[in-house]
């Protein structure tokens, strides 16, 4: 007998999920002085969404992980809360 291994489909984002990701992204981007239409901003947005999809839902943890992934953690100008 053959058993299929299935990967659960990601659940769709709702407006609350997107609002959390947007708020975290905006805080990091503006704190680091990164232009909204830049390639770096696109990478940060993709990382933010991916981490959120993987279960990092707490905004402070999400922000810390995105900052770390992009080498921004601890840099001057980054907003700390």
PDB file of N, CA and C in Angstrom:
ATOM      1  N   UNK A   1       0.828  -1.162   0.000  1.00  0.00           N
ATOM      2  CA  UNK A   1       0.000   0.000   0.000  1.00  0.00           C
ATOM      3  C   UNK A   1       0.887   1.245   0.000  1.00  0.00           C
ATOM      4  N   UNK A   2       0.536   2.229  -0.815  1.00  0.00           N
ATOM      5  CA  UNK A   2       1.287   3.473  -0.935  1.00  0.00           C
ATOM      6  C   UNK A   2       0.576   4.555  -0.133  1.00  0.00           C
ATOM      7  N   UNK A   3       1.350   5.241   0.679  1.00  0.00           N
ATOM      8  CA  UNK A   3       0.803   6.347   1.464  1.00  0.00           C
ATOM      9  C   UNK A   3       1.324   7.649   0.882  1.00  0.00           C
ATOM     10  N   UNK A   4       0.425   8.538   0.638  1.00  0.00           N
ATOM     11  CA  UNK A   4       0.815   9.854   0.125  1.00  0.00           C
ATOM     12  C   UNK A   4       1.128  10.776   1.296  1.00  0.00           C
ATOM     13  N   UNK A   5       2.192  11.505   1.153  1.00  0.00           N
ATOM     14  CA  UNK A   5       2.546  12.505   2.152  1.00  0.00           C
ATOM     15  C   UNK A   5       2.031  13.838   1.631  1.00  0.00           C
ATOM     16  N   UNK A   6       1.150  14.408   2.391  1.00  0.00           N
ATOM     17  CA  UNK A   6       0.593  15.687   1.967  1.00  0.00           C
ATOM     18  C   UNK A   6       1.019  16.773   2.931  1.00  0.00           C
ATOM     19  N   UNK A   7       1.259  17.897   2.366  1.00  0.00           N
ATOM     20  CA  UNK A   7       1.646  19.071   3.137  1.00  0.00           C
ATOM     21  C   UNK A   7       0.399  19.932   3.284  1.00  0.00           C
ATOM     22  N   UNK A   8       0.087  20.344   4.502  1.00  0.00           N
ATOM     23  CA  UNK A   8      -1.115  21.170   4.655  1.00  0.00           C
ATOM     24  C   UNK A   8      -0.985  22.470   3.871  1.00  0.00           C
ATOM     25  N   UNK A   9      -2.080  22.872   3.282  1.00  0.00           N
ATOM     26  CA  UNK A   9      -2.083  24.125   2.535  1.00  0.00           C
ATOM     27  C   UNK A   9      -2.051  25.297   3.502  1.00  0.00           C
ATOM     28  N   UNK A  10      -1.309  26.347   3.154  1.00  0.00           N
ATOM     29  CA  UNK A  10      -1.281  27.513   4.042  1.00  0.00           C
ATOM     30  C   UNK A  10      -2.666  28.144   4.105  1.00  0.00           C
ATOM     31  N   UNK A  11      -3.028  28.608   5.280  1.00  0.00           N
ATOM     32  CA  UNK A  11      -4.316  29.276   5.403  1.00  0.00           C
ATOM     33  C   UNK A  11      -4.203  30.676   4.827  1.00  0.00           C
ATOM     34  N   UNK A  12      -5.264  31.147   4.201  1.00  0.00           N
ATOM     35  CA  UNK A  12      -5.217  32.491   3.613  1.00  0.00           C
ATOM     36  C   UNK A  12      -5.114  33.559   4.696  1.00  0.00           C
ATOM     37  N   UNK A  13      -4.492  34.652   4.337  1.00  0.00           N
ATOM     38  CA  UNK A  13      -4.396  35.792   5.244  1.00  0.00           C
ATOM     39  C   UNK A  13      -5.744  36.497   5.277  1.00  0.00           C
ATOM     40  N   UNK A  14      -6.077  37.025   6.428  1.00  0.00           N
ATOM     41  CA  UNK A  14      -7.228  37.919   6.475  1.00  0.00           C
ATOM     42  C   UNK A  14      -6.702  39.329   6.731  1.00  0.00           C
ATOM     43  N   UNK A  15      -7.606  40.276   6.866  1.00  0.00           N
ATOM     44  CA  UNK A  15      -7.179  41.673   7.005  1.00  0.00           C
ATOM     45  C   UNK A  15      -6.369  41.903   8.277  1.00  0.00           C
ATOM     46  N   UNK A  16      -6.658  41.150   9.342  1.00  0.00           N
ATOM     47  CA  UNK A  16      -5.884  41.314  10.589  1.00  0.00           C
ATOM     48  C   UNK A  16      -4.448  40.838  10.402  1.00  0.00           C
ATOM     49  N   UNK A  17      -4.263  39.721   9.701  1.00  0.00           N
ATOM     50  CA  UNK A  17      -2.917  39.213   9.437  1.00  0.00           C
ATOM     51  C   UNK A  17      -2.113  40.223   8.623  1.00  0.00           C
ATOM     52  N   UNK A  18      -2.737  40.726   7.579  1.00  0.00           N
ATOM     53  CA  UNK A  18      -2.056  41.711   6.731  1.00  0.00           C
ATOM     54  C   UNK A  18      -1.738  42.994   7.491  1.00  0.00           C
ATOM     55  N   UNK A  19      -2.625  43.394   8.389  1.00  0.00           N
ATOM     56  CA  UNK A  19      -2.382  44.608   9.175  1.00  0.00           C
ATOM     57  C   UNK A  19      -1.162  44.435  10.079  1.00  0.00           C
ATOM     58  N   UNK A  20      -1.009  43.271  10.691  1.00  0.00           N
ATOM     59  CA  UNK A  20       0.159  43.010  11.547  1.00  0.00           C
ATOM     60  C   UNK A  20       1.434  43.077  10.712  1.00  0.00           C
ATOM     61  N   UNK A  21       1.431  42.372   9.575  1.00  0.00           N
ATOM     62  CA  UNK A  21       2.614  42.363   8.707  1.00  0.00           C
ATOM     63  C   UNK A  21       2.942  43.763   8.203  1.00  0.00           C
ATOM     64  N   UNK A  22       1.927  44.516   7.807  1.00  0.00           N
ATOM     65  CA  UNK A  22       2.148  45.872   7.300  1.00  0.00           C
ATOM     66  C   UNK A  22       2.742  46.767   8.375  1.00  0.00           C
ATOM     67  N   UNK A  23       2.206  46.689   9.589  1.00  0.00           N
ATOM     68  CA  UNK A  23       2.693  47.523  10.685  1.00  0.00           C
ATOM     69  C   UNK A  23       4.158  47.212  11.001  1.00  0.00           C
ATOM     70  N   UNK A  24       4.487  45.924  11.077  1.00  0.00           N
ATOM     71  CA  UNK A  24       5.873  45.526  11.363  1.00  0.00           C
ATOM     72  C   UNK A  24       6.794  45.985  10.235  1.00  0.00           C
ATOM     73  N   UNK A  25       6.391  45.740   8.999  1.00  0.00           N
ATOM     74  CA  UNK A  25       7.180  46.159   7.840  1.00  0.00           C
ATOM     75  C   UNK A  25       7.416  47.667   7.854  1.00  0.00           C
ATOM     76  N   UNK A  26       6.348  48.441   8.073  1.00  0.00           N
ATOM     77  CA  UNK A  26       6.474  49.903   8.072  1.00  0.00           C
ATOM     78  C   UNK A  26       7.407  50.395   9.171  1.00  0.00           C
ATOM     79  N   UNK A  27       7.331  49.794  10.369  1.00  0.00           N
ATOM     80  CA  UNK A  27       8.210  50.192  11.468  1.00  0.00           C
ATOM     81  C   UNK A  27       9.678  49.941  11.120  1.00  0.00           C
ATOM     82  N   UNK A  28       9.952  48.763  10.581  1.00  0.00           N
ATOM     83  CA  UNK A  28      11.341  48.424  10.244  1.00  0.00           C
ATOM     84  C   UNK A  28      11.855  49.321   9.119  1.00  0.00           C
ATOM     85  N   UNK A  29      11.055  49.436   8.061  1.00  0.00           N
ATOM     86  CA  UNK A  29      11.467  50.202   6.884  1.00  0.00           C
ATOM     87  C   UNK A  29      11.723  51.655   7.225  1.00  0.00           C
ATOM     88  N   UNK A  30      10.798  52.281   7.930  1.00  0.00           N
ATOM     89  CA  UNK A  30      10.994  53.701   8.245  1.00  0.00           C
ATOM     90  C   UNK A  30      12.118  53.895   9.254  1.00  0.00           C
ATOM     91  N   UNK A  31      12.235  52.998  10.226  1.00  0.00           N
ATOM     92  CA  UNK A  31      13.305  53.104  11.212  1.00  0.00           C
ATOM     93  C   UNK A  31      14.687  52.945  10.620  1.00  0.00           C
ATOM     94  N   UNK A  32      14.788  52.143   9.569  1.00  0.00           N
ATOM     95  CA  UNK A  32      16.080  51.907   8.919  1.00  0.00           C
ATOM     96  C   UNK A  32      16.326  52.876   7.758  1.00  0.00           C
ATOM     97  N   UNK A  33      15.333  53.710   7.447  1.00  0.00           N
ATOM     98  CA  UNK A  33      15.489  54.673   6.357  1.00  0.00           C
ATOM     99  C   UNK A  33      15.539  54.014   4.985  1.00  0.00           C
ATOM    100  N   UNK A  34      14.776  52.955   4.808  1.00  0.00           N
ATOM    101  CA  UNK A  34      14.757  52.221   3.537  1.00  0.00           C
ATOM    102  C   UNK A  34      13.588  52.717   2.699  1.00  0.00           C
ATOM    103  N   UNK A  35      13.866  53.052   1.447  1.00  0.00           N
ATOM    104  CA  UNK A  35      12.821  53.552   0.547  1.00  0.00           C
ATOM    105  C   UNK A  35      11.762  52.485   0.315  1.00  0.00           C
ATOM    106  N   UNK A  36      10.501  52.911   0.308  1.00  0.00           N
ATOM    107  CA  UNK A  36       9.370  51.990   0.167  1.00  0.00           C
ATOM    108  C   UNK A  36       9.405  51.204  -1.136  1.00  0.00           C
ATOM    109  N   UNK A  37       9.895  51.787  -2.195  1.00  0.00           N
ATOM    110  CA  UNK A  37       9.897  51.152  -3.519  1.00  0.00           C
ATOM    111  C   UNK A  37      11.238  50.498  -3.860  1.00  0.00           C
ATOM    112  N   UNK A  38      12.055  50.216  -2.865  1.00  0.00           N
ATOM    113  CA  UNK A  38      13.385  49.654  -3.123  1.00  0.00           C
ATOM    114  C   UNK A  38      13.361  48.125  -3.121  1.00  0.00           C
ATOM    115  N   UNK A  39      14.420  47.528  -3.668  1.00  0.00           N
ATOM    116  CA  UNK A  39      14.554  46.072  -3.646  1.00  0.00           C
ATOM    117  C   UNK A  39      14.678  45.562  -2.216  1.00  0.00           C
ATOM    118  N   UNK A  40      15.370  46.306  -1.372  1.00  0.00           N
ATOM    119  CA  UNK A  40      15.511  45.905   0.034  1.00  0.00           C
ATOM    120  C   UNK A  40      14.144  45.854   0.710  1.00  0.00           C
ATOM    121  N   UNK A  41      13.293  46.825   0.435  1.00  0.00           N
ATOM    122  CA  UNK A  41      11.945  46.824   1.012  1.00  0.00           C
ATOM    123  C   UNK A  41      11.154  45.611   0.521  1.00  0.00           C
ATOM    124  N   UNK A  42      11.310  45.250  -0.737  1.00  0.00           N
ATOM    125  CA  UNK A  42      10.635  44.063  -1.267  1.00  0.00           C
ATOM    126  C   UNK A  42      11.105  42.802  -0.563  1.00  0.00           C
ATOM    127  N   UNK A  43      12.412  42.687  -0.334  1.00  0.00           N
ATOM    128  CA  UNK A  43      12.947  41.518   0.381  1.00  0.00           C
ATOM    129  C   UNK A  43      12.417  41.472   1.810  1.00  0.00           C
ATOM    130  N   UNK A  44      12.406  42.626   2.471  1.00  0.00           N
ATOM    131  CA  UNK A  44      11.894  42.681   3.842  1.00  0.00           C
ATOM    132  C   UNK A  44      10.423  42.289   3.899  1.00  0.00           C
ATOM    133  N   UNK A  45       9.641  42.750   2.943  1.00  0.00           N
ATOM    134  CA  UNK A  45       8.213  42.409   2.914  1.00  0.00           C
ATOM    135  C   UNK A  45       8.027  40.902   2.723  1.00  0.00           C
ATOM    136  N   UNK A  46       8.798  40.314   1.813  1.00  0.00           N
ATOM    137  CA  UNK A  46       8.694  38.869   1.561  1.00  0.00           C
ATOM    138  C   UNK A  46       9.075  38.072   2.803  1.00  0.00           C
ATOM    139  N   UNK A  47      10.127  38.492   3.490  1.00  0.00           N
ATOM    140  CA  UNK A  47      10.562  37.803   4.710  1.00  0.00           C
ATOM    141  C   UNK A  47       9.498  37.947   5.796  1.00  0.00           C
ATOM    142  N   UNK A  48       8.930  39.127   5.919  1.00  0.00           N
ATOM    143  CA  UNK A  48       7.897  39.363   6.923  1.00  0.00           C
ATOM    144  C   UNK A  48       6.710  38.428   6.712  1.00  0.00           C
ATOM    145  N   UNK A  49       6.245  38.342   5.479  1.00  0.00           N
ATOM    146  CA  UNK A  49       5.106  37.475   5.157  1.00  0.00           C
ATOM    147  C   UNK A  49       5.460  36.011   5.404  1.00  0.00           C
ATOM    148  N   UNK A  50       6.630  35.590   4.954  1.00  0.00           N
ATOM    149  CA  UNK A  50       7.028  34.188   5.112  1.00  0.00           C
ATOM    150  C   UNK A  50       7.144  33.792   6.578  1.00  0.00           C
ATOM    151  N   UNK A  51       7.776  34.623   7.383  1.00  0.00           N
ATOM    152  CA  UNK A  51       7.894  34.325   8.813  1.00  0.00           C
ATOM    153  C   UNK A  51       6.516  34.271   9.473  1.00  0.00           C
ATOM    154  N   UNK A  52       5.641  35.177   9.083  1.00  0.00           N
ATOM    155  CA  UNK A  52       4.286  35.178   9.636  1.00  0.00           C
ATOM    156  C   UNK A  52       3.563  33.887   9.256  1.00  0.00           C
ATOM    157  N   UNK A  53       3.698  33.474   8.010  1.00  0.00           N
ATOM    158  CA  UNK A  53       3.076  32.216   7.561  1.00  0.00           C
ATOM    159  C   UNK A  53       3.641  31.012   8.315  1.00  0.00           C
ATOM    160  N   UNK A  54       4.903  31.100   8.718  1.00  0.00           N
ATOM    161  CA  UNK A  54       5.539  30.002   9.449  1.00  0.00           C
ATOM    162  C   UNK A  54       5.170  29.998  10.930  1.00  0.00           C
ATOM    163  N   UNK A  55       4.401  30.997  11.368  1.00  0.00           N
ATOM    164  CA  UNK A  55       3.907  30.985  12.733  1.00  0.00           C
ATOM    165  C   UNK A  55       4.459  32.053  13.653  1.00  0.00           C
ATOM    166  N   UNK A  56       5.301  32.947  13.151  1.00  0.00           N
ATOM    167  CA  UNK A  56       5.818  34.036  13.988  1.00  0.00           C
ATOM    168  C   UNK A  56       4.760  35.138  13.956  1.00  0.00           C
ATOM    169  N   UNK A  57       3.878  35.127  14.930  1.00  0.00           N
ATOM    170  CA  UNK A  57       2.717  36.030  14.914  1.00  0.00           C
ATOM    171  C   UNK A  57       2.852  37.215  15.859  1.00  0.00           C
ATOM    172  N   UNK A  58       3.702  37.126  16.850  1.00  0.00           N
ATOM    173  CA  UNK A  58       3.874  38.208  17.816  1.00  0.00           C
ATOM    174  C   UNK A  58       4.689  39.315  17.149  1.00  0.00           C
ATOM    175  N   UNK A  59       4.152  40.531  17.041  1.00  0.00           N
ATOM    176  CA  UNK A  59       4.828  41.595  16.296  1.00  0.00           C
ATOM    177  C   UNK A  59       6.269  41.873  16.702  1.00  0.00           C
ATOM    178  N   UNK A  60       6.565  41.873  18.005  1.00  0.00           N
ATOM    179  CA  UNK A  60       7.965  42.135  18.417  1.00  0.00           C
ATOM    180  C   UNK A  60       8.894  41.027  17.952  1.00  0.00           C
ATOM    181  N   UNK A  61       8.458  39.791  18.059  1.00  0.00           N
ATOM    182  CA  UNK A  61       9.295  38.675  17.595  1.00  0.00           C
ATOM    183  C   UNK A  61       9.460  38.724  16.082  1.00  0.00           C
ATOM    184  N   UNK A  62       8.382  39.012  15.394  1.00  0.00           N
ATOM    185  CA  UNK A  62       8.440  39.106  13.933  1.00  0.00           C
ATOM    186  C   UNK A  62       9.422  40.195  13.514  1.00  0.00           C
ATOM    187  N   UNK A  63       9.323  41.347  14.145  1.00  0.00           N
ATOM    188  CA  UNK A  63      10.228  42.460  13.815  1.00  0.00           C
ATOM    189  C   UNK A  63      11.683  42.097  14.081  1.00  0.00           C
ATOM    190  N   UNK A  64      11.937  41.471  15.216  1.00  0.00           N
ATOM    191  CA  UNK A  64      13.305  41.077  15.556  1.00  0.00           C
ATOM    192  C   UNK A  64      13.867  40.099  14.535  1.00  0.00           C
ATOM    193  N   UNK A  65      13.048  39.147  14.120  1.00  0.00           N
ATOM    194  CA  UNK A  65      13.528  38.151  13.158  1.00  0.00           C
ATOM    195  C   UNK A  65      13.776  38.763  11.777  1.00  0.00           C
ATOM    196  N   UNK A  66      12.911  39.666  11.347  1.00  0.00           N
ATOM    197  CA  UNK A  66      13.121  40.327  10.049  1.00  0.00           C
ATOM    198  C   UNK A  66      14.367  41.211  10.107  1.00  0.00           C
ATOM    199  N   UNK A  67      14.515  41.971  11.176  1.00  0.00           N
ATOM    200  CA  UNK A  67      15.709  42.821  11.328  1.00  0.00           C
ATOM    201  C   UNK A  67      16.975  41.969  11.314  1.00  0.00           C
ATOM    202  N   UNK A  68      16.942  40.846  12.003  1.00  0.00           N
ATOM    203  CA  UNK A  68      18.109  39.956  12.037  1.00  0.00           C
ATOM    204  C   UNK A  68      18.401  39.374  10.658  1.00  0.00           C
ATOM    205  N   UNK A  69      17.358  38.959   9.960  1.00  0.00           N
ATOM    206  CA  UNK A  69      17.533  38.357   8.642  1.00  0.00           C
ATOM    207  C   UNK A  69      18.138  39.336   7.641  1.00  0.00           C
ATOM    208  N   UNK A  70      17.849  40.602   7.802  1.00  0.00           N
ATOM    209  CA  UNK A  70      18.350  41.619   6.863  1.00  0.00           C
ATOM    210  C   UNK A  70      19.563  42.358   7.406  1.00  0.00           C
ATOM    211  N   UNK A  71      20.097  41.945   8.550  1.00  0.00           N
ATOM    212  CA  UNK A  71      21.287  42.598   9.090  1.00  0.00           C
ATOM    213  C   UNK A  71      21.019  43.967   9.656  1.00  0.00           C
ATOM    214  N   UNK A  72      19.799  44.222  10.107  1.00  0.00           N
ATOM    215  CA  UNK A  72      19.430  45.535  10.628  1.00  0.00           C
ATOM    216  C   UNK A  72      19.354  45.564  12.146  1.00  0.00           C
ATOM    217  N   UNK A  73      19.377  44.410  12.785  1.00  0.00           N
ATOM    218  CA  UNK A  73      19.193  44.346  14.232  1.00  0.00           C
ATOM    219  C   UNK A  73      20.327  45.088  14.939  1.00  0.00           C
ATOM    220  N   UNK A  74      19.940  46.031  15.802  1.00  0.00           N
ATOM    221  CA  UNK A  74      20.928  46.774  16.589  1.00  0.00           C
ATOM    222  C   UNK A  74      21.522  47.967  15.864  1.00  0.00           C
ATOM    223  N   UNK A  75      21.161  48.197  14.610  1.00  0.00           N
ATOM    224  CA  UNK A  75      21.698  49.369  13.895  1.00  0.00           C
ATOM    225  C   UNK A  75      21.076  50.637  14.409  1.00  0.00           C
ATOM    226  N   UNK A  76      21.807  51.741  14.333  1.00  0.00           N
ATOM    227  CA  UNK A  76      21.279  53.047  14.719  1.00  0.00           C
ATOM    228  C   UNK A  76      20.086  53.346  13.841  1.00  0.00           C
ATOM    229  N   UNK A  77      19.096  54.005  14.412  1.00  0.00           N
ATOM    230  CA  UNK A  77      17.911  54.413  13.644  1.00  0.00           C
ATOM    231  C   UNK A  77      16.794  53.408  13.696  1.00  0.00           C
ATOM    232  N   UNK A  78      17.072  52.167  14.109  1.00  0.00           N
ATOM    233  CA  UNK A  78      16.010  51.185  14.206  1.00  0.00           C
ATOM    234  C   UNK A  78      15.207  51.469  15.466  1.00  0.00           C
ATOM    235  N   UNK A  79      13.909  51.521  15.346  1.00  0.00           N
ATOM    236  CA  UNK A  79      13.046  51.764  16.497  1.00  0.00           C
ATOM    237  C   UNK A  79      13.053  50.550  17.393  1.00  0.00           C
ATOM    238  N   UNK A  80      13.264  50.716  18.653  1.00  0.00           N
ATOM    239  CA  UNK A  80      13.240  49.627  19.621  1.00  0.00           C
ATOM    240  C   UNK A  80      12.071  49.851  20.565  1.00  0.00           C
ATOM    241  N   UNK A  81      11.288  48.786  20.826  1.00  0.00           N
ATOM    242  CA  UNK A  81      10.210  48.920  21.817  1.00  0.00           C
ATOM    243  C   UNK A  81      10.266  47.816  22.819  1.00  0.00           C
TER     244      UNK A  81
END
